[in-house]
Amino acid sequence: MTASGSFDAIELPAFVWDEIGSDPEAVDQAKPDPSDAPGELGLWVFILGDMTLFGLFFAVFLWENRRDRIAFAESAAHLHRSIGAVNTLVLLLSSYLVVVALHAYRRGSMAHARVVLIGVLGCAMVFAALKAVEYSAAITSGHVVTSNMFWTFYFILTGIHLLHVLIGAILVTLWCRKCTDGKAGTTATRFSEIAAVYWHMVDLLWVVIFTLLYVGCYS
């Protein structure tokens, strides 16, 4: 059996393609290529650029930490590692929920996907609220962006990341609204993949930030 023949034998759900009618040729053209990456090429270019920018920040942070380990360690001691750890678990949970939501969305279980996405938005709200508490505690204690290099990196990295969380929440909200359409067409499915991939990037970035700022400066 040929590769195309084995692929044809797989019964794909109707929502994999938009209104294609009963034309067999249209069905064949609408079936996605299994080798396709989720989302769009532009998304992956953006993610590569975004992670490259963060990578440069991380490299400079490690360099500065190596130059003045005592000052960085003393500053990091004022961070609430328990809050950072909870936020890490919250984002890891949200990434799992995104996987569940995308699976449900692809199967056409819109109600299930919508409920799970609301859970993702709840995680985003918890993350933002805990960051607000942490920022308030740091500023009240006299630690601001100009205090020293550690706090400069802390507020810049976590601030930019928080902005990414808010953008991700907007994407998830739009995805959640698409669940009310009752049908996952090609365009809608692509958008859900974009939102999912973006959210996983946000999660990954936070894991690195938590490791560097909350844990790495103590070693």
Protein backbone atom coordinates (compact mmCIF):
# COMPACT_ATOMS: atom_id res chain seq x y z
CA MET A 1 0.00 0.00 0.00
CA THR A 2 1.33 3.44 -0.90
CA ALA A 3 1.82 6.23 1.61
CA SER A 4 -1.04 8.18 0.08
CA GLY A 5 -3.25 5.08 0.15
CA SER A 6 -2.64 4.51 3.84
CA PHE A 7 -3.39 8.15 4.54
CA ASP A 8 -6.62 7.99 2.56
CA ALA A 9 -7.74 5.11 4.76
CA ILE A 10 -7.70 7.32 7.81
CA GLU A 11 -11.10 8.82 8.53
CA LEU A 12 -10.52 12.46 9.26
CA PRO A 13 -13.18 14.43 11.18
CA ALA A 14 -15.29 16.82 9.20
CA PHE A 15 -13.96 19.92 10.95
CA VAL A 16 -10.45 19.40 9.51
CA TRP A 17 -11.59 21.30 6.43
CA ASP A 18 -14.12 24.02 5.74
CA GLU A 19 -17.19 23.67 3.57
CA ILE A 20 -15.90 21.41 0.82
CA GLY A 21 -19.03 19.66 -0.28
CA SER A 22 -19.01 16.06 -1.43
CA ASP A 23 -16.51 16.41 -4.26
CA PRO A 24 -13.84 13.69 -3.71
CA GLU A 25 -11.19 15.89 -5.33
CA ALA A 26 -12.04 18.72 -2.96
CA VAL A 27 -11.78 16.31 -0.04
CA ASP A 28 -8.32 15.20 -1.14
CA GLN A 29 -7.18 18.81 -1.52
CA ALA A 30 -8.59 19.76 1.88
CA LYS A 31 -6.85 17.01 3.83
CA PRO A 32 -3.92 18.50 5.75
CA ASP A 33 -0.38 17.33 5.22
CA PRO A 34 0.58 15.31 8.33
CA SER A 35 4.06 16.82 8.14
CA ASP A 36 2.75 20.37 8.50
CA ALA A 37 3.82 22.18 11.65
CA PRO A 38 1.04 23.78 13.68
CA GLY A 39 0.34 27.45 13.07
CA GLU A 40 1.87 29.51 10.28
CA LEU A 41 5.42 30.13 9.11
CA GLY A 42 5.18 33.74 10.26
CA LEU A 43 4.39 32.53 13.77
CA TRP A 44 7.53 30.44 13.95
CA VAL A 45 9.63 33.34 12.62
CA PHE A 46 8.16 35.56 15.34
CA ILE A 47 8.79 32.96 18.05
CA LEU A 48 12.38 32.45 16.87
CA GLY A 49 12.98 36.21 16.96
CA ASP A 50 11.29 36.62 20.33
CA MET A 51 13.21 33.80 21.95
CA THR A 52 16.44 35.09 20.41
CA LEU A 53 15.80 38.47 22.08
CA PHE A 54 15.13 36.79 25.41
CA GLY A 55 18.20 34.62 24.87
CA LEU A 56 20.34 37.75 24.58
CA PHE A 57 18.87 39.08 27.83
CA PHE A 58 19.60 35.74 29.50
CA ALA A 59 23.20 35.73 28.24
CA VAL A 60 23.86 39.26 29.52
CA PHE A 61 22.21 38.38 32.83
CA LEU A 62 24.51 35.38 33.27
CA TRP A 63 27.51 37.54 32.40
CA GLU A 64 26.57 40.21 34.96
CA ASN A 65 25.81 37.56 37.56
CA ARG A 66 29.25 36.09 37.07
CA ARG A 67 30.84 39.52 37.51
CA ASP A 68 29.06 40.29 40.78
CA ARG A 69 27.70 37.08 42.25
CA ILE A 70 27.50 38.44 45.81
CA ALA A 71 25.29 41.41 44.87
CA PHE A 72 23.06 39.24 42.69
CA ALA A 73 22.73 36.59 45.42
CA GLU A 74 21.88 39.19 48.07
CA SER A 75 19.27 40.78 45.81
CA ALA A 76 17.77 37.45 44.78
CA ALA A 77 17.37 36.57 48.46
CA HIS A 78 14.64 39.23 48.65
CA LEU A 79 12.53 37.49 46.01
CA HIS A 80 9.54 35.43 47.10
CA ARG A 81 10.59 32.07 45.70
CA SER A 82 7.36 30.49 46.91
CA ILE A 83 5.36 32.89 44.72
CA GLY A 84 7.67 32.20 41.79
CA ALA A 85 7.28 28.46 42.29
CA VAL A 86 3.50 28.69 42.47
CA ASN A 87 3.45 30.79 39.29
CA THR A 88 5.60 28.15 37.61
CA LEU A 89 3.11 25.44 38.54
CA VAL A 90 0.24 27.66 37.39
CA LEU A 91 1.77 28.12 33.94
CA LEU A 92 2.64 24.44 33.63
CA LEU A 93 -0.99 23.63 34.44
CA SER A 94 -2.16 26.18 31.88
CA SER A 95 0.03 24.60 29.18
CA TYR A 96 -1.50 21.21 29.93
CA LEU A 97 -4.98 22.73 29.69
CA VAL A 98 -4.06 24.29 26.33
CA VAL A 99 -3.11 20.83 25.02
CA VAL A 100 -6.44 19.43 26.25
CA ALA A 101 -8.35 22.35 24.72
CA LEU A 102 -6.63 22.00 21.34
CA HIS A 103 -7.34 18.26 21.26
CA ALA A 104 -11.01 18.87 22.09
CA TYR A 105 -11.24 21.67 19.52
CA ARG A 106 -9.82 19.50 16.76
CA ARG A 107 -12.36 16.79 17.61
CA GLY A 108 -15.16 19.30 17.42
CA SER A 109 -15.94 19.24 21.16
CA MET A 110 -16.48 22.97 21.32
CA ALA A 111 -18.19 23.07 24.71
CA HIS A 112 -15.37 21.06 26.29
CA ALA A 113 -12.71 23.22 24.64
CA ARG A 114 -14.42 26.40 25.82
CA VAL A 115 -14.57 25.23 29.44
CA VAL A 116 -10.89 24.24 29.39
CA LEU A 117 -9.89 27.57 27.81
CA ILE A 118 -11.71 29.41 30.58
CA GLY A 119 -9.46 27.45 32.93
CA VAL A 120 -6.43 28.71 30.98
CA LEU A 121 -7.65 32.29 31.38
CA GLY A 122 -8.09 31.63 35.09
CA CYS A 123 -4.46 30.52 35.28
CA ALA A 124 -3.39 33.69 33.48
CA MET A 125 -5.32 35.82 35.98
CA VAL A 126 -3.74 33.98 38.93
CA PHE A 127 -0.27 34.45 37.42
CA ALA A 128 -0.82 38.19 36.87
CA ALA A 129 -2.28 38.66 40.36
CA LEU A 130 0.69 36.94 42.01
CA LYS A 131 3.13 39.02 39.97
CA ALA A 132 1.31 42.16 41.11
CA VAL A 133 1.70 41.02 44.73
CA GLU A 134 5.38 40.33 44.15
CA TYR A 135 5.98 43.67 42.46
CA SER A 136 4.21 45.48 45.28
CA ALA A 137 6.30 43.70 47.92
CA ALA A 138 9.55 44.47 46.09
CA ILE A 139 8.76 48.16 45.58
CA THR A 140 7.53 48.56 49.15
CA SER A 141 10.86 47.15 50.33
CA GLY A 142 12.69 49.76 48.26
CA HIS A 143 13.71 47.51 45.39
CA VAL A 144 13.10 49.26 42.07
CA VAL A 145 14.42 48.93 38.55
CA THR A 146 17.31 51.32 39.26
CA SER A 147 18.44 49.70 42.53
CA ASN A 148 21.12 47.54 40.91
CA MET A 149 21.68 45.33 37.87
CA PHE A 150 19.81 42.39 39.36
CA TRP A 151 16.64 44.39 39.93
CA THR A 152 16.99 45.96 36.50
CA PHE A 153 16.99 42.51 34.92
CA TYR A 154 14.24 41.32 37.25
CA PHE A 155 11.76 44.04 36.36
CA ILE A 156 12.62 44.04 32.65
CA LEU A 157 12.48 40.26 32.17
CA THR A 158 9.43 39.62 34.31
CA GLY A 159 7.70 42.76 32.99
CA ILE A 160 8.15 41.80 29.35
CA HIS A 161 7.10 38.26 30.17
CA LEU A 162 3.96 39.51 31.94
CA LEU A 163 3.14 41.46 28.78
CA HIS A 164 3.48 38.21 26.84
CA VAL A 165 1.08 36.54 29.28
CA LEU A 166 -1.48 39.30 28.68
CA ILE A 167 -1.11 38.96 24.90
CA GLY A 168 -1.48 35.21 25.24
CA ALA A 169 -4.64 35.72 27.31
CA ILE A 170 -6.07 37.86 24.52
CA LEU A 171 -5.34 35.12 21.98
CA VAL A 172 -6.94 32.50 24.22
CA THR A 173 -9.98 34.76 24.68
CA LEU A 174 -10.39 35.06 20.90
CA TRP A 175 -9.96 31.31 20.59
CA CYS A 176 -12.60 30.79 23.27
CA ARG A 177 -15.01 32.99 21.32
CA LYS A 178 -14.44 30.89 18.22
CA CYS A 179 -15.72 27.88 20.16
CA THR A 180 -19.19 29.44 20.04
CA ASP A 181 -19.19 29.11 16.23
CA GLY A 182 -19.86 25.38 16.59
CA LYS A 183 -17.43 24.47 13.82
CA ALA A 184 -13.64 24.36 13.58
CA GLY A 185 -12.82 25.29 10.00
CA THR A 186 -9.32 25.45 8.58
CA THR A 187 -8.79 29.10 9.47
CA ALA A 188 -10.17 28.70 12.98
CA THR A 189 -8.06 25.60 13.60
CA ARG A 190 -4.95 27.42 12.43
CA PHE A 191 -5.72 30.25 14.83
CA SER A 192 -6.16 27.81 17.72
CA GLU A 193 -2.77 26.30 16.89
CA ILE A 194 -1.18 29.75 16.83
CA ALA A 195 -2.65 30.58 20.24
CA ALA A 196 -1.51 27.22 21.63
CA VAL A 197 2.05 27.49 20.34
CA TYR A 198 2.34 31.07 21.60
CA TRP A 199 1.13 30.04 25.05
CA HIS A 200 3.67 27.20 25.24
CA MET A 201 6.41 29.71 24.37
CA VAL A 202 5.25 31.96 27.23
CA ASP A 203 5.39 28.97 29.59
CA LEU A 204 8.88 27.98 28.43
CA LEU A 205 10.21 31.51 28.86
CA TRP A 206 8.92 31.68 32.42
CA VAL A 207 10.60 28.38 33.32
CA VAL A 208 13.94 29.85 32.17
CA ILE A 209 13.30 33.15 33.98
CA PHE A 210 12.37 31.35 37.19
CA THR A 211 15.47 29.16 36.97
CA LEU A 212 17.83 32.10 36.41
CA LEU A 213 16.38 34.71 38.79
CA TYR A 214 14.84 32.67 41.59
CA VAL A 215 17.14 29.65 41.67
CA GLY A 216 20.34 30.24 39.71
CA CYS A 217 21.58 33.20 41.75
CA TYR A 218 21.72 31.08 44.90
CA SER A 219 24.12 28.50 43.49
